[in-house]
Amino acid sequence: MTKVTKIIILLIVTISLLCSVEALKCVDCLEIPFIKSCPSQKETCEAKLGQKCLLTTLFVGKLKISIQKCVDHCVNATLNSSITQYACCNSHSLCNRL
């Protein structure tokens, strides 16, 4: 086996491994109490290059509203003394699941 053949085989194997990597999928949902907008959390979005999954939680009185989606810019944060929380992730698909 020549060097060129080895290099070509290595390139083919590398490309096939890269193509088999599954894209990051995020839950894509707006969940409001008493409104069954996505009870099974089967709605997803596929994160594009550089995107992350976001879970935003808003506390309005005793109500908890959750927003889950793919986003370009994301920062983990808690605002207004725990009224709004942002959690970003890209460790594995559906990492923004409740």
PDB file of N, CA and C in Angstrom:
ATOM      1  N   MET A   1       0.856  -1.173   0.000  1.00  0.00           N
ATOM      2  CA  MET A   1       0.000   0.000   0.000  1.00  0.00           C
ATOM      3  C   MET A   1       0.903   1.237   0.000  1.00  0.00           C
ATOM      4  N   THR A   2       0.695   2.116  -0.930  1.00  0.00           N
ATOM      5  CA  THR A   2       1.527   3.312  -1.031  1.00  0.00           C
ATOM      6  C   THR A   2       1.067   4.367  -0.033  1.00  0.00           C
ATOM      7  N   LYS A   3       1.909   5.373   0.154  1.00  0.00           N
ATOM      8  CA  LYS A   3       1.576   6.480   1.058  1.00  0.00           C
ATOM      9  C   LYS A   3       0.326   7.211   0.587  1.00  0.00           C
ATOM     10  N   VAL A   4       0.218   7.401  -0.703  1.00  0.00           N
ATOM     11  CA  VAL A   4      -0.937   8.112  -1.253  1.00  0.00           C
ATOM     12  C   VAL A   4      -2.221   7.335  -0.964  1.00  0.00           C
ATOM     13  N   THR A   5      -2.194   6.033  -1.127  1.00  0.00           N
ATOM     14  CA  THR A   5      -3.364   5.200  -0.856  1.00  0.00           C
ATOM     15  C   THR A   5      -3.756   5.283   0.609  1.00  0.00           C
ATOM     16  N   LYS A   6      -2.764   5.239   1.487  1.00  0.00           N
ATOM     17  CA  LYS A   6      -3.037   5.341   2.928  1.00  0.00           C
ATOM     18  C   LYS A   6      -3.673   6.679   3.271  1.00  0.00           C
ATOM     19  N   ILE A   7      -3.160   7.742   2.670  1.00  0.00           N
ATOM     20  CA  ILE A   7      -3.695   9.081   2.935  1.00  0.00           C
ATOM     21  C   ILE A   7      -5.135   9.188   2.438  1.00  0.00           C
ATOM     22  N   ILE A   8      -5.398   8.638   1.254  1.00  0.00           N
ATOM     23  CA  ILE A   8      -6.760   8.687   0.706  1.00  0.00           C
ATOM     24  C   ILE A   8      -7.720   7.908   1.594  1.00  0.00           C
ATOM     25  N   ILE A   9      -7.317   6.724   2.046  1.00  0.00           N
ATOM     26  CA  ILE A   9      -8.162   5.931   2.939  1.00  0.00           C
ATOM     27  C   ILE A   9      -8.419   6.676   4.240  1.00  0.00           C
ATOM     28  N   LEU A  10      -7.395   7.294   4.796  1.00  0.00           N
ATOM     29  CA  LEU A  10      -7.538   8.062   6.033  1.00  0.00           C
ATOM     30  C   LEU A  10      -8.508   9.231   5.835  1.00  0.00           C
ATOM     31  N   LEU A  11      -8.404   9.914   4.707  1.00  0.00           N
ATOM     32  CA  LEU A  11      -9.319  11.026   4.419  1.00  0.00           C
ATOM     33  C   LEU A  11     -10.758  10.537   4.287  1.00  0.00           C
ATOM     34  N   ILE A  12     -10.970   9.432   3.617  1.00  0.00           N
ATOM     35  CA  ILE A  12     -12.320   8.895   3.448  1.00  0.00           C
ATOM     36  C   ILE A  12     -12.925   8.514   4.797  1.00  0.00           C
ATOM     37  N   VAL A  13     -12.132   7.866   5.638  1.00  0.00           N
ATOM     38  CA  VAL A  13     -12.612   7.478   6.967  1.00  0.00           C
ATOM     39  C   VAL A  13     -12.941   8.718   7.796  1.00  0.00           C
ATOM     40  N   THR A  14     -12.066   9.715   7.758  1.00  0.00           N
ATOM     41  CA  THR A  14     -12.280  10.949   8.522  1.00  0.00           C
ATOM     42  C   THR A  14     -13.543  11.665   8.048  1.00  0.00           C
ATOM     43  N   ILE A  15     -13.713  11.788   6.764  1.00  0.00           N
ATOM     44  CA  ILE A  15     -14.897  12.472   6.222  1.00  0.00           C
ATOM     45  C   ILE A  15     -16.168  11.714   6.586  1.00  0.00           C
ATOM     46  N   SER A  16     -16.137  10.393   6.509  1.00  0.00           N
ATOM     47  CA  SER A  16     -17.334   9.626   6.855  1.00  0.00           C
ATOM     48  C   SER A  16     -17.677   9.769   8.332  1.00  0.00           C
ATOM     49  N   LEU A  17     -16.666   9.860   9.197  1.00  0.00           N
ATOM     50  CA  LEU A  17     -16.928  10.077  10.622  1.00  0.00           C
ATOM     51  C   LEU A  17     -17.524  11.455  10.861  1.00  0.00           C
ATOM     52  N   LEU A  18     -16.999  12.453  10.180  1.00  0.00           N
ATOM     53  CA  LEU A  18     -17.528  13.814  10.340  1.00  0.00           C
ATOM     54  C   LEU A  18     -18.963  13.907   9.848  1.00  0.00           C
ATOM     55  N   CYS A  19     -19.283  13.224   8.787  1.00  0.00           N
ATOM     56  CA  CYS A  19     -20.645  13.262   8.239  1.00  0.00           C
ATOM     57  C   CYS A  19     -21.631  12.523   9.128  1.00  0.00           C
ATOM     58  N   SER A  20     -21.152  11.573   9.899  1.00  0.00           N
ATOM     59  CA  SER A  20     -22.059  10.792  10.736  1.00  0.00           C
ATOM     60  C   SER A  20     -22.367  11.466  12.068  1.00  0.00           C
ATOM     61  N   VAL A  21     -21.688  12.565  12.392  1.00  0.00           N
ATOM     62  CA  VAL A  21     -21.951  13.276  13.638  1.00  0.00           C
ATOM     63  C   VAL A  21     -23.314  13.939  13.534  1.00  0.00           C
ATOM     64  N   GLU A  22     -24.166  13.677  14.489  1.00  0.00           N
ATOM     65  CA  GLU A  22     -25.521  14.212  14.473  1.00  0.00           C
ATOM     66  C   GLU A  22     -25.515  15.666  14.930  1.00  0.00           C
ATOM     67  N   ALA A  23     -26.299  16.481  14.266  1.00  0.00           N
ATOM     68  CA  ALA A  23     -26.406  17.890  14.631  1.00  0.00           C
ATOM     69  C   ALA A  23     -27.093  18.032  15.983  1.00  0.00           C
ATOM     70  N   LEU A  24     -26.756  19.105  16.696  1.00  0.00           N
ATOM     71  CA  LEU A  24     -27.369  19.394  17.991  1.00  0.00           C
ATOM     72  C   LEU A  24     -28.841  19.733  17.787  1.00  0.00           C
ATOM     73  N   LYS A  25     -29.711  19.042  18.492  1.00  0.00           N
ATOM     74  CA  LYS A  25     -31.146  19.332  18.446  1.00  0.00           C
ATOM     75  C   LYS A  25     -31.568  19.892  19.793  1.00  0.00           C
ATOM     76  N   CYS A  26     -32.430  20.880  19.743  1.00  0.00           N
ATOM     77  CA  CYS A  26     -32.926  21.527  20.956  1.00  0.00           C
ATOM     78  C   CYS A  26     -34.448  21.408  21.004  1.00  0.00           C
ATOM     79  N   VAL A  27     -34.991  21.368  22.209  1.00  0.00           N
ATOM     80  CA  VAL A  27     -36.438  21.443  22.368  1.00  0.00           C
ATOM     81  C   VAL A  27     -36.857  22.840  21.927  1.00  0.00           C
ATOM     82  N   ASP A  28     -37.918  22.936  21.153  1.00  0.00           N
ATOM     83  CA  ASP A  28     -38.428  24.211  20.656  1.00  0.00           C
ATOM     84  C   ASP A  28     -39.867  24.341  21.140  1.00  0.00           C
ATOM     85  N   CYS A  29     -40.060  25.118  22.201  1.00  0.00           N
ATOM     86  CA  CYS A  29     -41.347  25.086  22.883  1.00  0.00           C
ATOM     87  C   CYS A  29     -41.596  26.373  23.664  1.00  0.00           C
ATOM     88  N   LEU A  30     -42.838  26.788  23.720  1.00  0.00           N
ATOM     89  CA  LEU A  30     -43.288  27.843  24.621  1.00  0.00           C
ATOM     90  C   LEU A  30     -44.310  27.191  25.535  1.00  0.00           C
ATOM     91  N   GLU A  31     -43.984  27.104  26.807  1.00  0.00           N
ATOM     92  CA  GLU A  31     -44.874  26.418  27.751  1.00  0.00           C
ATOM     93  C   GLU A  31     -45.457  27.419  28.739  1.00  0.00           C
ATOM     94  N   ILE A  32     -46.766  27.570  28.660  1.00  0.00           N
ATOM     95  CA  ILE A  32     -47.492  28.479  29.544  1.00  0.00           C
ATOM     96  C   ILE A  32     -48.492  27.633  30.331  1.00  0.00           C
ATOM     97  N   PRO A  33     -48.564  27.819  31.640  1.00  0.00           N
ATOM     98  CA  PRO A  33     -49.529  27.035  32.427  1.00  0.00           C
ATOM     99  C   PRO A  33     -50.938  27.141  31.857  1.00  0.00           C
ATOM    100  N   PHE A  34     -51.648  26.044  31.901  1.00  0.00           N
ATOM    101  CA  PHE A  34     -53.030  25.921  31.441  1.00  0.00           C
ATOM    102  C   PHE A  34     -53.174  25.928  29.919  1.00  0.00           C
ATOM    103  N   ILE A  35     -52.078  26.131  29.192  1.00  0.00           N
ATOM    104  CA  ILE A  35     -52.101  26.066  27.734  1.00  0.00           C
ATOM    105  C   ILE A  35     -51.140  24.959  27.331  1.00  0.00           C
ATOM    106  N   LYS A  36     -51.645  23.912  26.756  1.00  0.00           N
ATOM    107  CA  LYS A  36     -50.813  22.764  26.389  1.00  0.00           C
ATOM    108  C   LYS A  36     -50.144  23.033  25.042  1.00  0.00           C
ATOM    109  N   SER A  37     -49.145  23.907  25.046  1.00  0.00           N
ATOM    110  CA  SER A  37     -48.506  24.269  23.785  1.00  0.00           C
ATOM    111  C   SER A  37     -47.559  23.193  23.278  1.00  0.00           C
ATOM    112  N   CYS A  38     -46.924  22.458  24.164  1.00  0.00           N
ATOM    113  CA  CYS A  38     -46.031  21.378  23.744  1.00  0.00           C
ATOM    114  C   CYS A  38     -45.827  20.406  24.907  1.00  0.00           C
ATOM    115  N   PRO A  39     -46.866  19.710  25.298  1.00  0.00           N
ATOM    116  CA  PRO A  39     -46.766  18.845  26.469  1.00  0.00           C
ATOM    117  C   PRO A  39     -45.793  17.687  26.324  1.00  0.00           C
ATOM    118  N   SER A  40     -45.609  17.191  25.110  1.00  0.00           N
ATOM    119  CA  SER A  40     -44.731  16.036  24.945  1.00  0.00           C
ATOM    120  C   SER A  40     -43.295  16.434  24.629  1.00  0.00           C
ATOM    121  N   GLN A  41     -43.048  17.700  24.397  1.00  0.00           N
ATOM    122  CA  GLN A  41     -41.730  18.236  24.058  1.00  0.00           C
ATOM    123  C   GLN A  41     -41.112  17.519  22.861  1.00  0.00           C
ATOM    124  N   LYS A  42     -41.948  17.196  21.877  1.00  0.00           N
ATOM    125  CA  LYS A  42     -41.444  16.550  20.677  1.00  0.00           C
ATOM    126  C   LYS A  42     -41.039  17.554  19.611  1.00  0.00           C
ATOM    127  N   GLU A  43     -41.413  18.818  19.783  1.00  0.00           N
ATOM    128  CA  GLU A  43     -41.021  19.843  18.823  1.00  0.00           C
ATOM    129  C   GLU A  43     -39.545  20.171  19.044  1.00  0.00           C
ATOM    130  N   THR A  44     -38.774  20.145  17.975  1.00  0.00           N
ATOM    131  CA  THR A  44     -37.346  20.435  18.096  1.00  0.00           C
ATOM    132  C   THR A  44     -36.907  21.393  17.002  1.00  0.00           C
ATOM    133  N   CYS A  45     -35.761  22.003  17.234  1.00  0.00           N
ATOM    134  CA  CYS A  45     -35.091  22.782  16.201  1.00  0.00           C
ATOM    135  C   CYS A  45     -33.672  22.229  16.103  1.00  0.00           C
ATOM    136  N   GLU A  46     -33.087  22.348  14.941  1.00  0.00           N
ATOM    137  CA  GLU A  46     -31.718  21.877  14.744  1.00  0.00           C
ATOM    138  C   GLU A  46     -30.795  23.077  14.808  1.00  0.00           C
ATOM    139  N   ALA A  47     -29.890  23.067  15.785  1.00  0.00           N
ATOM    140  CA  ALA A  47     -28.975  24.195  15.966  1.00  0.00           C
ATOM    141  C   ALA A  47     -28.021  24.283  14.779  1.00  0.00           C
ATOM    142  N   LYS A  48     -27.886  25.480  14.263  1.00  0.00           N
ATOM    143  CA  LYS A  48     -26.935  25.717  13.183  1.00  0.00           C
ATOM    144  C   LYS A  48     -25.556  25.933  13.793  1.00  0.00           C
ATOM    145  N   LEU A  49     -24.548  26.028  12.970  1.00  0.00           N
ATOM    146  CA  LEU A  49     -23.176  26.211  13.425  1.00  0.00           C
ATOM    147  C   LEU A  49     -23.078  27.407  14.368  1.00  0.00           C
ATOM    148  N   GLY A  50     -22.582  27.178  15.555  1.00  0.00           N
ATOM    149  CA  GLY A  50     -22.405  28.248  16.539  1.00  0.00           C
ATOM    150  C   GLY A  50     -23.600  28.467  17.449  1.00  0.00           C
ATOM    151  N   GLN A  51     -24.717  27.838  17.164  1.00  0.00           N
ATOM    152  CA  GLN A  51     -25.896  28.019  18.002  1.00  0.00           C
ATOM    153  C   GLN A  51     -25.863  27.093  19.215  1.00  0.00           C
ATOM    154  N   LYS A  52     -26.667  27.453  20.217  1.00  0.00           N
ATOM    155  CA  LYS A  52     -26.820  26.655  21.429  1.00  0.00           C
ATOM    156  C   LYS A  52     -28.306  26.481  21.706  1.00  0.00           C
ATOM    157  N   CYS A  53     -28.590  25.600  22.644  1.00  0.00           N
ATOM    158  CA  CYS A  53     -29.958  25.434  23.120  1.00  0.00           C
ATOM    159  C   CYS A  53     -30.169  26.387  24.297  1.00  0.00           C
ATOM    160  N   LEU A  54     -31.345  26.965  24.382  1.00  0.00           N
ATOM    161  CA  LEU A  54     -31.665  27.900  25.457  1.00  0.00           C
ATOM    162  C   LEU A  54     -32.919  27.442  26.190  1.00  0.00           C
ATOM    163  N   LEU A  55     -32.868  27.546  27.495  1.00  0.00           N
ATOM    164  CA  LEU A  55     -34.050  27.366  28.339  1.00  0.00           C
ATOM    165  C   LEU A  55     -34.207  28.655  29.127  1.00  0.00           C
ATOM    166  N   THR A  56     -35.274  29.387  28.839  1.00  0.00           N
ATOM    167  CA  THR A  56     -35.582  30.618  29.568  1.00  0.00           C
ATOM    168  C   THR A  56     -36.772  30.323  30.471  1.00  0.00           C
ATOM    169  N   THR A  57     -36.653  30.698  31.723  1.00  0.00           N
ATOM    170  CA  THR A  57     -37.743  30.502  32.671  1.00  0.00           C
ATOM    171  C   THR A  57     -38.130  31.853  33.243  1.00  0.00           C
ATOM    172  N   LEU A  58     -39.414  32.201  33.110  1.00  0.00           N
ATOM    173  CA  LEU A  58     -39.948  33.455  33.640  1.00  0.00           C
ATOM    174  C   LEU A  58     -40.914  33.118  34.766  1.00  0.00           C
ATOM    175  N   PHE A  59     -40.734  33.759  35.882  1.00  0.00           N
ATOM    176  CA  PHE A  59     -41.657  33.571  37.004  1.00  0.00           C
ATOM    177  C   PHE A  59     -42.497  34.828  37.130  1.00  0.00           C
ATOM    178  N   VAL A  60     -43.808  34.677  36.916  1.00  0.00           N
ATOM    179  CA  VAL A  60     -44.742  35.794  37.015  1.00  0.00           C
ATOM    180  C   VAL A  60     -45.714  35.445  38.133  1.00  0.00           C
ATOM    181  N   GLY A  61     -45.473  35.999  39.307  1.00  0.00           N
ATOM    182  CA  GLY A  61     -46.266  35.609  40.462  1.00  0.00           C
ATOM    183  C   GLY A  61     -46.051  34.134  40.733  1.00  0.00           C
ATOM    184  N   LYS A  62     -47.117  33.360  40.746  1.00  0.00           N
ATOM    185  CA  LYS A  62     -47.010  31.917  40.958  1.00  0.00           C
ATOM    186  C   LYS A  62     -46.895  31.143  39.646  1.00  0.00           C
ATOM    187  N   LEU A  63     -46.993  31.854  38.523  1.00  0.00           N
ATOM    188  CA  LEU A  63     -46.909  31.200  37.216  1.00  0.00           C
ATOM    189  C   LEU A  63     -45.459  31.044  36.774  1.00  0.00           C
ATOM    190  N   LYS A  64     -45.175  29.935  36.115  1.00  0.00           N
ATOM    191  CA  LYS A  64     -43.853  29.678  35.551  1.00  0.00           C
ATOM    192  C   LYS A  64     -44.029  29.486  34.053  1.00  0.00           C
ATOM    193  N   ILE A  65     -43.384  30.339  33.277  1.00  0.00           N
ATOM    194  CA  ILE A  65     -43.440  30.265  31.827  1.00  0.00           C
ATOM    195  C   ILE A  65     -42.062  29.848  31.332  1.00  0.00           C
ATOM    196  N   SER A  66     -42.006  28.856  30.458  1.00  0.00           N
ATOM    197  CA  SER A  66     -40.728  28.359  29.946  1.00  0.00           C
ATOM    198  C   SER A  66     -40.660  28.525  28.438  1.00  0.00           C
ATOM    199  N   ILE A  67     -39.506  28.961  27.977  1.00  0.00           N
ATOM    200  CA  ILE A  67     -39.254  29.102  26.543  1.00  0.00           C
ATOM    201  C   ILE A  67     -38.004  28.288  26.235  1.00  0.00           C
ATOM    202  N   GLN A  68     -38.109  27.388  25.274  1.00  0.00           N
ATOM    203  CA  GLN A  68     -36.986  26.547  24.881  1.00  0.00           C
ATOM    204  C   GLN A  68     -36.801  26.701  23.378  1.00  0.00           C
ATOM    205  N   LYS A  69     -35.559  26.940  22.931  1.00  0.00           N
ATOM    206  CA  LYS A  69     -35.328  27.126  21.500  1.00  0.00           C
ATOM    207  C   LYS A  69     -33.841  27.121  21.167  1.00  0.00           C
ATOM    208  N   CYS A  70     -33.528  27.167  19.875  1.00  0.00           N
ATOM    209  CA  CYS A  70     -32.159  27.322  19.374  1.00  0.00           C
ATOM    210  C   CYS A  70     -31.870  28.822  19.283  1.00  0.00           C
ATOM    211  N   VAL A  71     -30.676  29.218  19.714  1.00  0.00           N
ATOM    212  CA  VAL A  71     -30.329  30.640  19.664  1.00  0.00           C
ATOM    213  C   VAL A  71     -28.894  30.846  19.199  1.00  0.00           C
ATOM    214  N   ASP A  72     -28.646  32.031  18.635  1.00  0.00           N
ATOM    215  CA  ASP A  72     -27.299  32.385  18.192  1.00  0.00           C
ATOM    216  C   ASP A  72     -26.422  32.843  19.354  1.00  0.00           C
ATOM    217  N   HIS A  73     -26.973  33.681  20.199  1.00  0.00           N
ATOM    218  CA  HIS A  73     -26.221  34.240  21.317  1.00  0.00           C
ATOM    219  C   HIS A  73     -26.901  33.837  22.614  1.00  0.00           C
ATOM    220  N   CYS A  74     -26.098  33.363  23.552  1.00  0.00           N
ATOM    221  CA  CYS A  74     -26.686  32.845  24.777  1.00  0.00           C
ATOM    222  C   CYS A  74     -25.728  33.065  25.944  1.00  0.00           C
ATOM    223  N   VAL A  75     -26.264  33.546  27.053  1.00  0.00           N
ATOM    224  CA  VAL A  75     -25.480  33.763  28.261  1.00  0.00           C
ATOM    225  C   VAL A  75     -26.273  33.221  29.442  1.00  0.00           C
ATOM    226  N   ASN A  76     -25.650  32.374  30.240  1.00  0.00           N
ATOM    227  CA  ASN A  76     -26.311  31.892  31.455  1.00  0.00           C
ATOM    228  C   ASN A  76     -26.456  33.073  32.403  1.00  0.00           C
ATOM    229  N   ALA A  77     -27.660  33.328  32.855  1.00  0.00           N
ATOM    230  CA  ALA A  77     -27.882  34.486  33.729  1.00  0.00           C
ATOM    231  C   ALA A  77     -29.171  34.325  34.516  1.00  0.00           C
ATOM    232  N   THR A  78     -29.224  35.029  35.649  1.00  0.00           N
ATOM    233  CA  THR A  78     -30.439  35.166  36.435  1.00  0.00           C
ATOM    234  C   THR A  78     -30.650  36.655  36.630  1.00  0.00           C
ATOM    235  N   LEU A  79     -31.819  37.138  36.254  1.00  0.00           N
ATOM    236  CA  LEU A  79     -32.106  38.574  36.331  1.00  0.00           C
ATOM    237  C   LEU A  79     -33.259  38.841  37.290  1.00  0.00           C
ATOM    238  N   ASN A  80     -33.288  40.029  37.816  1.00  0.00           N
ATOM    239  CA  ASN A  80     -34.395  40.496  38.658  1.00  0.00           C
ATOM    240  C   ASN A  80     -34.674  39.564  39.833  1.00  0.00           C
ATOM    241  N   SER A  81     -33.638  39.186  40.552  1.00  0.00           N
ATOM    242  CA  SER A  81     -33.788  38.332  41.741  1.00  0.00           C
ATOM    243  C   SER A  81     -34.581  37.063  41.446  1.00  0.00           C
ATOM    244  N   SER A  82     -34.132  36.308  40.490  1.00  0.00           N
ATOM    245  CA  SER A  82     -34.709  35.004  40.117  1.00  0.00           C
ATOM    246  C   SER A  82     -36.044  35.090  39.383  1.00  0.00           C
ATOM    247  N   ILE A  83     -36.407  36.245  38.856  1.00  0.00           N
ATOM    248  CA  ILE A  83     -37.648  36.335  38.087  1.00  0.00           C
ATOM    249  C   ILE A  83     -37.439  35.756  36.694  1.00  0.00           C
ATOM    250  N   THR A  84     -36.264  35.969  36.131  1.00  0.00           N
ATOM    251  CA  THR A  84     -35.944  35.456  34.806  1.00  0.00           C
ATOM    252  C   THR A  84     -34.624  34.706  34.868  1.00  0.00           C
ATOM    253  N   GLN A  85     -34.603  33.478  34.335  1.00  0.00           N
ATOM    254  CA  GLN A  85     -33.382  32.681  34.310  1.00  0.00           C
ATOM    255  C   GLN A  85     -33.117  32.232  32.879  1.00  0.00           C
ATOM    256  N   TYR A  86     -31.859  32.338  32.444  1.00  0.00           N
ATOM    257  CA  TYR A  86     -31.441  31.876  31.127  1.00  0.00           C
ATOM    258  C   TYR A  86     -30.418  30.772  31.322  1.00  0.00           C
ATOM    259  N   ALA A  87     -30.637  29.621  30.725  1.00  0.00           N
ATOM    260  CA  ALA A  87     -29.691  28.505  30.808  1.00  0.00           C
ATOM    261  C   ALA A  87     -29.357  28.060  29.387  1.00  0.00           C
ATOM    262  N   CYS A  88     -28.076  28.099  29.041  1.00  0.00           N
ATOM    263  CA  CYS A  88     -27.599  27.731  27.712  1.00  0.00           C
ATOM    264  C   CYS A  88     -26.874  26.396  27.788  1.00  0.00           C
ATOM    265  N   CYS A  89     -26.952  25.616  26.709  1.00  0.00           N
ATOM    266  CA  CYS A  89     -26.229  24.346  26.693  1.00  0.00           C
ATOM    267  C   CYS A  89     -25.983  23.895  25.262  1.00  0.00           C
ATOM    268  N   ASN A  90     -24.955  23.099  25.093  1.00  0.00           N
ATOM    269  CA  ASN A  90     -24.694  22.453  23.807  1.00  0.00           C
ATOM    270  C   ASN A  90     -23.960  21.135  24.004  1.00  0.00           C
ATOM    271  N   SER A  91     -24.101  20.554  25.202  1.00  0.00           N
ATOM    272  CA  SER A  91     -23.393  19.325  25.539  1.00  0.00           C
ATOM    273  C   SER A  91     -23.967  18.094  24.844  1.00  0.00           C
ATOM    274  N   HIS A  92     -25.269  18.088  24.594  1.00  0.00           N
ATOM    275  CA  HIS A  92     -25.926  16.965  23.934  1.00  0.00           C
ATOM    276  C   HIS A  92     -27.303  17.407  23.451  1.00  0.00           C
ATOM    277  N   SER A  93     -27.850  16.669  22.524  1.00  0.00           N
ATOM    278  CA  SER A  93     -29.169  17.010  21.986  1.00  0.00           C
ATOM    279  C   SER A  93     -30.233  16.999  23.076  1.00  0.00           C
ATOM    280  N   LEU A  94     -31.159  17.929  22.958  1.00  0.00           N
ATOM    281  CA  LEU A  94     -32.279  18.117  23.890  1.00  0.00           C
ATOM    282  C   LEU A  94     -31.817  18.450  25.298  1.00  0.00           C
ATOM    283  N   CYS A  95     -30.657  19.089  25.425  1.00  0.00           N
ATOM    284  CA  CYS A  95     -30.124  19.454  26.747  1.00  0.00           C
ATOM    285  C   CYS A  95     -30.935  20.560  27.406  1.00  0.00           C
ATOM    286  N   ASN A  96     -31.820  21.249  26.657  1.00  0.00           N
ATOM    287  CA  ASN A  96     -32.652  22.295  27.244  1.00  0.00           C
ATOM    288  C   ASN A  96     -34.039  21.780  27.635  1.00  0.00           C
ATOM    289  N   ARG A  97     -34.137  20.476  27.775  1.00  0.00           N
ATOM    290  CA  ARG A  97     -35.411  19.859  28.186  1.00  0.00           C
ATOM    291  C   ARG A  97     -35.692  20.207  29.643  1.00  0.00           C
ATOM    292  N   LEU A  98     -36.963  20.391  29.966  1.00  0.00           N
ATOM    293  CA  LEU A  98     -37.365  20.652  31.363  1.00  0.00           C
ATOM    294  C   LEU A  98     -37.243  19.401  32.173  1.00  0.00           C
TER     295      LEU A  98
END
